[in-house]
Amino acid sequence: MPELASDPAPSPETEAVDRQLLEQTRSEIRRLPLRLREALILVAIDGRSQSEAAELLGISAKAVEALVYRARKILREKLPSGE
């Protein structure tokens, strides 16, 4: 007898929780100070390298690294851990 594959689609409850977490994440990103938000978006969302982000922001790559680190730390403190 062939094995039945489970439905890969998430349940409506899971989708609702995911949408809520996504909106909460967006909201917390909008609340970040501008420099933190800019660096985070360029590196973590747009996928740019730290060097590229540094050039766009007119700062050093090390400064971008520090800004992204601080932004992620703030978000970790504000958002549920997902555990």
PDB file of N, CA and C in Angstrom:
ATOM      1  N   MET A   1       0.847  -1.175   0.000  1.00  0.00           N
ATOM      2  CA  MET A   1       0.000   0.000   0.000  1.00  0.00           C
ATOM      3  C   MET A   1       0.896   1.243   0.000  1.00  0.00           C
ATOM      4  N   PRO A   2       0.709   2.148  -0.937  1.00  0.00           N
ATOM      5  CA  PRO A   2       1.559   3.345  -0.989  1.00  0.00           C
ATOM      6  C   PRO A   2       1.293   4.243   0.215  1.00  0.00           C
ATOM      7  N   GLU A   3       2.385   4.889   0.645  1.00  0.00           N
ATOM      8  CA  GLU A   3       2.257   5.813   1.767  1.00  0.00           C
ATOM      9  C   GLU A   3       1.581   7.093   1.292  1.00  0.00           C
ATOM     10  N   LEU A   4       0.719   7.598   2.131  1.00  0.00           N
ATOM     11  CA  LEU A   4       0.043   8.847   1.805  1.00  0.00           C
ATOM     12  C   LEU A   4       0.910  10.015   2.259  1.00  0.00           C
ATOM     13  N   ALA A   5       1.097  10.940   1.363  1.00  0.00           N
ATOM     14  CA  ALA A   5       1.879  12.135   1.710  1.00  0.00           C
ATOM     15  C   ALA A   5       1.000  13.081   2.512  1.00  0.00           C
ATOM     16  N   SER A   6       1.572  13.651   3.523  1.00  0.00           N
ATOM     17  CA  SER A   6       0.803  14.620   4.298  1.00  0.00           C
ATOM     18  C   SER A   6       0.677  15.913   3.501  1.00  0.00           C
ATOM     19  N   ASP A   7      -0.363  16.651   3.779  1.00  0.00           N
ATOM     20  CA  ASP A   7      -0.603  17.919   3.102  1.00  0.00           C
ATOM     21  C   ASP A   7       0.478  18.915   3.519  1.00  0.00           C
ATOM     22  N   PRO A   8       1.308  19.400   2.577  1.00  0.00           N
ATOM     23  CA  PRO A   8       2.393  20.319   2.944  1.00  0.00           C
ATOM     24  C   PRO A   8       1.907  21.728   3.277  1.00  0.00           C
ATOM     25  N   ALA A   9       0.647  22.013   2.967  1.00  0.00           N
ATOM     26  CA  ALA A   9       0.144  23.362   3.241  1.00  0.00           C
ATOM     27  C   ALA A   9      -0.030  23.561   4.749  1.00  0.00           C
ATOM     28  N   PRO A  10       0.383  24.724   5.235  1.00  0.00           N
ATOM     29  CA  PRO A  10       0.212  24.990   6.673  1.00  0.00           C
ATOM     30  C   PRO A  10      -1.271  25.143   7.022  1.00  0.00           C
ATOM     31  N   SER A  11      -1.582  24.871   8.255  1.00  0.00           N
ATOM     32  CA  SER A  11      -2.964  25.011   8.715  1.00  0.00           C
ATOM     33  C   SER A  11      -3.339  26.490   8.756  1.00  0.00           C
ATOM     34  N   PRO A  12      -4.631  26.793   8.748  1.00  0.00           N
ATOM     35  CA  PRO A  12      -5.055  28.199   8.853  1.00  0.00           C
ATOM     36  C   PRO A  12      -4.534  28.864  10.134  1.00  0.00           C
ATOM     37  N   GLU A  13      -4.443  28.107  11.213  1.00  0.00           N
ATOM     38  CA  GLU A  13      -3.927  28.661  12.463  1.00  0.00           C
ATOM     39  C   GLU A  13      -2.453  29.040  12.328  1.00  0.00           C
ATOM     40  N   THR A  14      -1.694  28.154  11.680  1.00  0.00           N
ATOM     41  CA  THR A  14      -0.274  28.418  11.472  1.00  0.00           C
ATOM     42  C   THR A  14      -0.091  29.647  10.585  1.00  0.00           C
ATOM     43  N   GLU A  15      -0.897  29.744   9.544  1.00  0.00           N
ATOM     44  CA  GLU A  15      -0.801  30.907   8.657  1.00  0.00           C
ATOM     45  C   GLU A  15      -1.136  32.198   9.402  1.00  0.00           C
ATOM     46  N   ALA A  16      -2.137  32.152  10.258  1.00  0.00           N
ATOM     47  CA  ALA A  16      -2.515  33.345  11.022  1.00  0.00           C
ATOM     48  C   ALA A  16      -1.387  33.774  11.961  1.00  0.00           C
ATOM     49  N   VAL A  17      -0.767  32.809  12.642  1.00  0.00           N
ATOM     50  CA  VAL A  17       0.345  33.105  13.545  1.00  0.00           C
ATOM     51  C   VAL A  17       1.524  33.666  12.755  1.00  0.00           C
ATOM     52  N   ASP A  18       1.808  33.059  11.594  1.00  0.00           N
ATOM     53  CA  ASP A  18       2.911  33.533  10.748  1.00  0.00           C
ATOM     54  C   ASP A  18       2.676  34.963  10.277  1.00  0.00           C
ATOM     55  N   ARG A  19       1.429  35.263   9.868  1.00  0.00           N
ATOM     56  CA  ARG A  19       1.111  36.627   9.416  1.00  0.00           C
ATOM     57  C   ARG A  19       1.265  37.620  10.563  1.00  0.00           C
ATOM     58  N   GLN A  20       0.825  37.214  11.739  1.00  0.00           N
ATOM     59  CA  GLN A  20       0.936  38.093  12.910  1.00  0.00           C
ATOM     60  C   GLN A  20       2.407  38.359  13.249  1.00  0.00           C
ATOM     61  N   LEU A  21       3.234  37.317  13.227  1.00  0.00           N
ATOM     62  CA  LEU A  21       4.663  37.485  13.515  1.00  0.00           C
ATOM     63  C   LEU A  21       5.336  38.350  12.455  1.00  0.00           C
ATOM     64  N   LEU A  22       4.966  38.164  11.193  1.00  0.00           N
ATOM     65  CA  LEU A  22       5.537  38.980  10.118  1.00  0.00           C
ATOM     66  C   LEU A  22       5.185  40.451  10.319  1.00  0.00           C
ATOM     67  N   GLU A  23       3.941  40.740  10.643  1.00  0.00           N
ATOM     68  CA  GLU A  23       3.539  42.130  10.864  1.00  0.00           C
ATOM     69  C   GLU A  23       4.235  42.710  12.089  1.00  0.00           C
ATOM     70  N   GLN A  24       4.383  41.913  13.135  1.00  0.00           N
ATOM     71  CA  GLN A  24       5.082  42.385  14.334  1.00  0.00           C
ATOM     72  C   GLN A  24       6.546  42.676  14.002  1.00  0.00           C
ATOM     73  N   THR A  25       7.164  41.819  13.193  1.00  0.00           N
ATOM     74  CA  THR A  25       8.558  42.018  12.782  1.00  0.00           C
ATOM     75  C   THR A  25       8.696  43.303  11.963  1.00  0.00           C
ATOM     76  N   ARG A  26       7.799  43.490  11.005  1.00  0.00           N
ATOM     77  CA  ARG A  26       7.824  44.725  10.205  1.00  0.00           C
ATOM     78  C   ARG A  26       7.679  45.960  11.083  1.00  0.00           C
ATOM     79  N   SER A  27       6.761  45.878  12.030  1.00  0.00           N
ATOM     80  CA  SER A  27       6.526  47.002  12.937  1.00  0.00           C
ATOM     81  C   SER A  27       7.774  47.320  13.765  1.00  0.00           C
ATOM     82  N   GLU A  28       8.421  46.285  14.287  1.00  0.00           N
ATOM     83  CA  GLU A  28       9.632  46.509  15.099  1.00  0.00           C
ATOM     84  C   GLU A  28      10.776  47.041  14.245  1.00  0.00           C
ATOM     85  N   ILE A  29      10.886  46.594  13.005  1.00  0.00           N
ATOM     86  CA  ILE A  29      11.918  47.124  12.106  1.00  0.00           C
ATOM     87  C   ILE A  29      11.670  48.611  11.864  1.00  0.00           C
ATOM     88  N   ARG A  30      10.404  48.992  11.658  1.00  0.00           N
ATOM     89  CA  ARG A  30      10.073  50.417  11.440  1.00  0.00           C
ATOM     90  C   ARG A  30      10.423  51.261  12.658  1.00  0.00           C
ATOM     91  N   ARG A  31      10.407  50.683  13.847  1.00  0.00           N
ATOM     92  CA  ARG A  31      10.706  51.420  15.080  1.00  0.00           C
ATOM     93  C   ARG A  31      12.211  51.576  15.341  1.00  0.00           C
ATOM     94  N   LEU A  32      13.030  50.836  14.614  1.00  0.00           N
ATOM     95  CA  LEU A  32      14.476  50.946  14.809  1.00  0.00           C
ATOM     96  C   LEU A  32      14.947  52.345  14.432  1.00  0.00           C
ATOM     97  N   PRO A  33      15.991  52.844  15.089  1.00  0.00           N
ATOM     98  CA  PRO A  33      16.596  54.109  14.639  1.00  0.00           C
ATOM     99  C   PRO A  33      17.005  53.985  13.165  1.00  0.00           C
ATOM    100  N   LEU A  34      16.941  55.092  12.461  1.00  0.00           N
ATOM    101  CA  LEU A  34      17.155  55.099  11.011  1.00  0.00           C
ATOM    102  C   LEU A  34      18.428  54.376  10.583  1.00  0.00           C
ATOM    103  N   ARG A  35      19.568  54.675  11.197  1.00  0.00           N
ATOM    104  CA  ARG A  35      20.839  54.059  10.765  1.00  0.00           C
ATOM    105  C   ARG A  35      20.815  52.542  10.955  1.00  0.00           C
ATOM    106  N   LEU A  36      20.247  52.088  12.066  1.00  0.00           N
ATOM    107  CA  LEU A  36      20.143  50.638  12.287  1.00  0.00           C
ATOM    108  C   LEU A  36      19.233  50.011  11.239  1.00  0.00           C
ATOM    109  N   ARG A  37      18.112  50.660  10.996  1.00  0.00           N
ATOM    110  CA  ARG A  37      17.141  50.142  10.025  1.00  0.00           C
ATOM    111  C   ARG A  37      17.745  50.085   8.620  1.00  0.00           C
ATOM    112  N   GLU A  38      18.432  51.146   8.225  1.00  0.00           N
ATOM    113  CA  GLU A  38      19.049  51.178   6.890  1.00  0.00           C
ATOM    114  C   GLU A  38      20.049  50.037   6.722  1.00  0.00           C
ATOM    115  N   ALA A  39      20.938  49.872   7.680  1.00  0.00           N
ATOM    116  CA  ALA A  39      21.964  48.827   7.581  1.00  0.00           C
ATOM    117  C   ALA A  39      21.324  47.445   7.565  1.00  0.00           C
ATOM    118  N   LEU A  40      20.359  47.229   8.441  1.00  0.00           N
ATOM    119  CA  LEU A  40      19.693  45.925   8.508  1.00  0.00           C
ATOM    120  C   LEU A  40      18.999  45.595   7.194  1.00  0.00           C
ATOM    121  N   ILE A  41      18.267  46.535   6.663  1.00  0.00           N
ATOM    122  CA  ILE A  41      17.539  46.283   5.413  1.00  0.00           C
ATOM    123  C   ILE A  41      18.500  45.999   4.264  1.00  0.00           C
ATOM    124  N   LEU A  42      19.555  46.785   4.161  1.00  0.00           N
ATOM    125  CA  LEU A  42      20.508  46.577   3.069  1.00  0.00           C
ATOM    126  C   LEU A  42      21.171  45.200   3.136  1.00  0.00           C
ATOM    127  N   VAL A  43      21.566  44.791   4.337  1.00  0.00           N
ATOM    128  CA  VAL A  43      22.311  43.536   4.483  1.00  0.00           C
ATOM    129  C   VAL A  43      21.393  42.323   4.592  1.00  0.00           C
ATOM    130  N   ALA A  44      20.434  42.374   5.510  1.00  0.00           N
ATOM    131  CA  ALA A  44      19.625  41.192   5.810  1.00  0.00           C
ATOM    132  C   ALA A  44      18.459  40.994   4.855  1.00  0.00           C
ATOM    133  N   ILE A  45      17.922  42.066   4.315  1.00  0.00           N
ATOM    134  CA  ILE A  45      16.743  41.938   3.456  1.00  0.00           C
ATOM    135  C   ILE A  45      17.114  42.052   1.983  1.00  0.00           C
ATOM    136  N   ASP A  46      17.905  43.084   1.640  1.00  0.00           N
ATOM    137  CA  ASP A  46      18.308  43.261   0.238  1.00  0.00           C
ATOM    138  C   ASP A  46      19.427  42.311  -0.175  1.00  0.00           C
ATOM    139  N   GLY A  47      20.114  41.728   0.812  1.00  0.00           N
ATOM    140  CA  GLY A  47      21.175  40.768   0.505  1.00  0.00           C
ATOM    141  C   GLY A  47      22.485  41.390   0.054  1.00  0.00           C
ATOM    142  N   ARG A  48      22.691  42.642   0.367  1.00  0.00           N
ATOM    143  CA  ARG A  48      23.947  43.289  -0.009  1.00  0.00           C
ATOM    144  C   ARG A  48      25.047  42.891   0.965  1.00  0.00           C
ATOM    145  N   SER A  49      26.267  42.954   0.501  1.00  0.00           N
ATOM    146  CA  SER A  49      27.399  42.687   1.385  1.00  0.00           C
ATOM    147  C   SER A  49      27.586  43.877   2.316  1.00  0.00           C
ATOM    148  N   GLN A  50      28.343  43.666   3.369  1.00  0.00           N
ATOM    149  CA  GLN A  50      28.632  44.775   4.274  1.00  0.00           C
ATOM    150  C   GLN A  50      29.393  45.880   3.550  1.00  0.00           C
ATOM    151  N   SER A  51      30.269  45.481   2.644  1.00  0.00           N
ATOM    152  CA  SER A  51      31.033  46.477   1.871  1.00  0.00           C
ATOM    153  C   SER A  51      30.113  47.320   0.990  1.00  0.00           C
ATOM    154  N   GLU A  52      29.165  46.661   0.327  1.00  0.00           N
ATOM    155  CA  GLU A  52      28.218  47.397  -0.515  1.00  0.00           C
ATOM    156  C   GLU A  52      27.370  48.350   0.330  1.00  0.00           C
ATOM    157  N   ALA A  53      26.865  47.844   1.452  1.00  0.00           N
ATOM    158  CA  ALA A  53      26.052  48.675   2.334  1.00  0.00           C
ATOM    159  C   ALA A  53      26.870  49.855   2.850  1.00  0.00           C
ATOM    160  N   ALA A  54      28.119  49.602   3.195  1.00  0.00           N
ATOM    161  CA  ALA A  54      28.996  50.664   3.693  1.00  0.00           C
ATOM    162  C   ALA A  54      29.162  51.762   2.650  1.00  0.00           C
ATOM    163  N   GLU A  55      29.369  51.356   1.419  1.00  0.00           N
ATOM    164  CA  GLU A  55      29.542  52.339   0.347  1.00  0.00           C
ATOM    165  C   GLU A  55      28.269  53.174   0.175  1.00  0.00           C
ATOM    166  N   LEU A  56      27.106  52.514   0.204  1.00  0.00           N
ATOM    167  CA  LEU A  56      25.840  53.222   0.046  1.00  0.00           C
ATOM    168  C   LEU A  56      25.565  54.179   1.209  1.00  0.00           C
ATOM    169  N   LEU A  57      25.958  53.759   2.410  1.00  0.00           N
ATOM    170  CA  LEU A  57      25.685  54.568   3.600  1.00  0.00           C
ATOM    171  C   LEU A  57      26.794  55.566   3.914  1.00  0.00           C
ATOM    172  N   GLY A  58      27.933  55.430   3.234  1.00  0.00           N
ATOM    173  CA  GLY A  58      29.045  56.346   3.465  1.00  0.00           C
ATOM    174  C   GLY A  58      29.744  56.114   4.793  1.00  0.00           C
ATOM    175  N   ILE A  59      29.793  54.849   5.216  1.00  0.00           N
ATOM    176  CA  ILE A  59      30.450  54.471   6.467  1.00  0.00           C
ATOM    177  C   ILE A  59      31.332  53.257   6.197  1.00  0.00           C
ATOM    178  N   SER A  60      32.065  52.806   7.206  1.00  0.00           N
ATOM    179  CA  SER A  60      32.938  51.649   7.015  1.00  0.00           C
ATOM    180  C   SER A  60      32.135  50.343   7.100  1.00  0.00           C
ATOM    181  N   ALA A  61      32.703  49.293   6.530  1.00  0.00           N
ATOM    182  CA  ALA A  61      32.068  47.979   6.604  1.00  0.00           C
ATOM    183  C   ALA A  61      31.962  47.512   8.055  1.00  0.00           C
ATOM    184  N   LYS A  62      32.943  47.852   8.865  1.00  0.00           N
ATOM    185  CA  LYS A  62      32.917  47.497  10.293  1.00  0.00           C
ATOM    186  C   LYS A  62      31.751  48.201  10.990  1.00  0.00           C
ATOM    187  N   ALA A  63      31.483  49.437  10.616  1.00  0.00           N
ATOM    188  CA  ALA A  63      30.354  50.172  11.186  1.00  0.00           C
ATOM    189  C   ALA A  63      29.034  49.514  10.781  1.00  0.00           C
ATOM    190  N   VAL A  64      28.948  49.068   9.542  1.00  0.00           N
ATOM    191  CA  VAL A  64      27.747  48.355   9.077  1.00  0.00           C
ATOM    192  C   VAL A  64      27.563  47.087   9.907  1.00  0.00           C
ATOM    193  N   GLU A  65      28.643  46.356  10.110  1.00  0.00           N
ATOM    194  CA  GLU A  65      28.581  45.125  10.912  1.00  0.00           C
ATOM    195  C   GLU A  65      28.023  45.428  12.307  1.00  0.00           C
ATOM    196  N   ALA A  66      28.510  46.485  12.922  1.00  0.00           N
ATOM    197  CA  ALA A  66      28.058  46.852  14.268  1.00  0.00           C
ATOM    198  C   ALA A  66      26.585  47.275  14.258  1.00  0.00           C
ATOM    199  N   LEU A  67      26.177  48.030  13.256  1.00  0.00           N
ATOM    200  CA  LEU A  67      24.791  48.470  13.164  1.00  0.00           C
ATOM    201  C   LEU A  67      23.835  47.291  12.990  1.00  0.00           C
ATOM    202  N   VAL A  68      24.207  46.363  12.119  1.00  0.00           N
ATOM    203  CA  VAL A  68      23.364  45.187  11.877  1.00  0.00           C
ATOM    204  C   VAL A  68      23.291  44.334  13.144  1.00  0.00           C
ATOM    205  N   TYR A  69      24.401  44.182  13.812  1.00  0.00           N
ATOM    206  CA  TYR A  69      24.429  43.425  15.069  1.00  0.00           C
ATOM    207  C   TYR A  69      23.479  44.055  16.085  1.00  0.00           C
ATOM    208  N   ARG A  70      23.562  45.363  16.245  1.00  0.00           N
ATOM    209  CA  ARG A  70      22.699  46.052  17.217  1.00  0.00           C
ATOM    210  C   ARG A  70      21.231  45.949  16.827  1.00  0.00           C
ATOM    211  N   ALA A  71      20.937  46.082  15.538  1.00  0.00           N
ATOM    212  CA  ALA A  71      19.551  45.976  15.074  1.00  0.00           C
ATOM    213  C   ALA A  71      18.991  44.588  15.359  1.00  0.00           C
ATOM    214  N   ARG A  72      19.768  43.569  15.056  1.00  0.00           N
ATOM    215  CA  ARG A  72      19.310  42.192  15.308  1.00  0.00           C
ATOM    216  C   ARG A  72      19.131  41.928  16.799  1.00  0.00           C
ATOM    217  N   LYS A  73      20.006  42.486  17.604  1.00  0.00           N
ATOM    218  CA  LYS A  73      19.902  42.310  19.057  1.00  0.00           C
ATOM    219  C   LYS A  73      18.607  42.929  19.569  1.00  0.00           C
ATOM    220  N   ILE A  74      18.301  44.106  19.112  1.00  0.00           N
ATOM    221  CA  ILE A  74      17.060  44.780  19.515  1.00  0.00           C
ATOM    222  C   ILE A  74      15.850  43.953  19.084  1.00  0.00           C
ATOM    223  N   LEU A  75      15.868  43.466  17.849  1.00  0.00           N
ATOM    224  CA  LEU A  75      14.745  42.672  17.356  1.00  0.00           C
ATOM    225  C   LEU A  75      14.585  41.375  18.150  1.00  0.00           C
ATOM    226  N   ARG A  76      15.697  40.733  18.495  1.00  0.00           N
ATOM    227  CA  ARG A  76      15.625  39.504  19.305  1.00  0.00           C
ATOM    228  C   ARG A  76      14.971  39.783  20.657  1.00  0.00           C
ATOM    229  N   GLU A  77      15.259  40.938  21.222  1.00  0.00           N
ATOM    230  CA  GLU A  77      14.692  41.302  22.525  1.00  0.00           C
ATOM    231  C   GLU A  77      13.200  41.633  22.406  1.00  0.00           C
ATOM    232  N   LYS A  78      12.766  42.165  21.273  1.00  0.00           N
ATOM    233  CA  LYS A  78      11.389  42.614  21.111  1.00  0.00           C
ATOM    234  C   LYS A  78      10.452  41.536  20.560  1.00  0.00           C
ATOM    235  N   LEU A  79      10.987  40.580  19.812  1.00  0.00           N
ATOM    236  CA  LEU A  79      10.145  39.580  19.141  1.00  0.00           C
ATOM    237  C   LEU A  79      10.168  38.255  19.884  1.00  0.00           C
ATOM    238  N   PRO A  80       9.078  37.484  19.743  1.00  0.00           N
ATOM    239  CA  PRO A  80       9.065  36.155  20.373  1.00  0.00           C
ATOM    240  C   PRO A  80      10.155  35.280  19.774  1.00  0.00           C
ATOM    241  N   SER A  81      10.686  34.379  20.589  1.00  0.00           N
ATOM    242  CA  SER A  81      11.811  33.549  20.150  1.00  0.00           C
ATOM    243  C   SER A  81      11.397  32.440  19.200  1.00  0.00           C
ATOM    244  N   GLY A  82      10.125  32.103  19.125  1.00  0.00           N
ATOM    245  CA  GLY A  82       9.683  31.049  18.225  1.00  0.00           C
ATOM    246  C   GLY A  82       9.884  29.649  18.767  1.00  0.00           C
ATOM    247  N   GLU A  83      10.232  29.547  20.027  1.00  0.00           N
ATOM    248  CA  GLU A  83      10.449  28.233  20.629  1.00  0.00           C
ATOM    249  C   GLU A  83       9.165  27.643  21.129  1.00  0.00           C
TER     250      GLU A  83
END
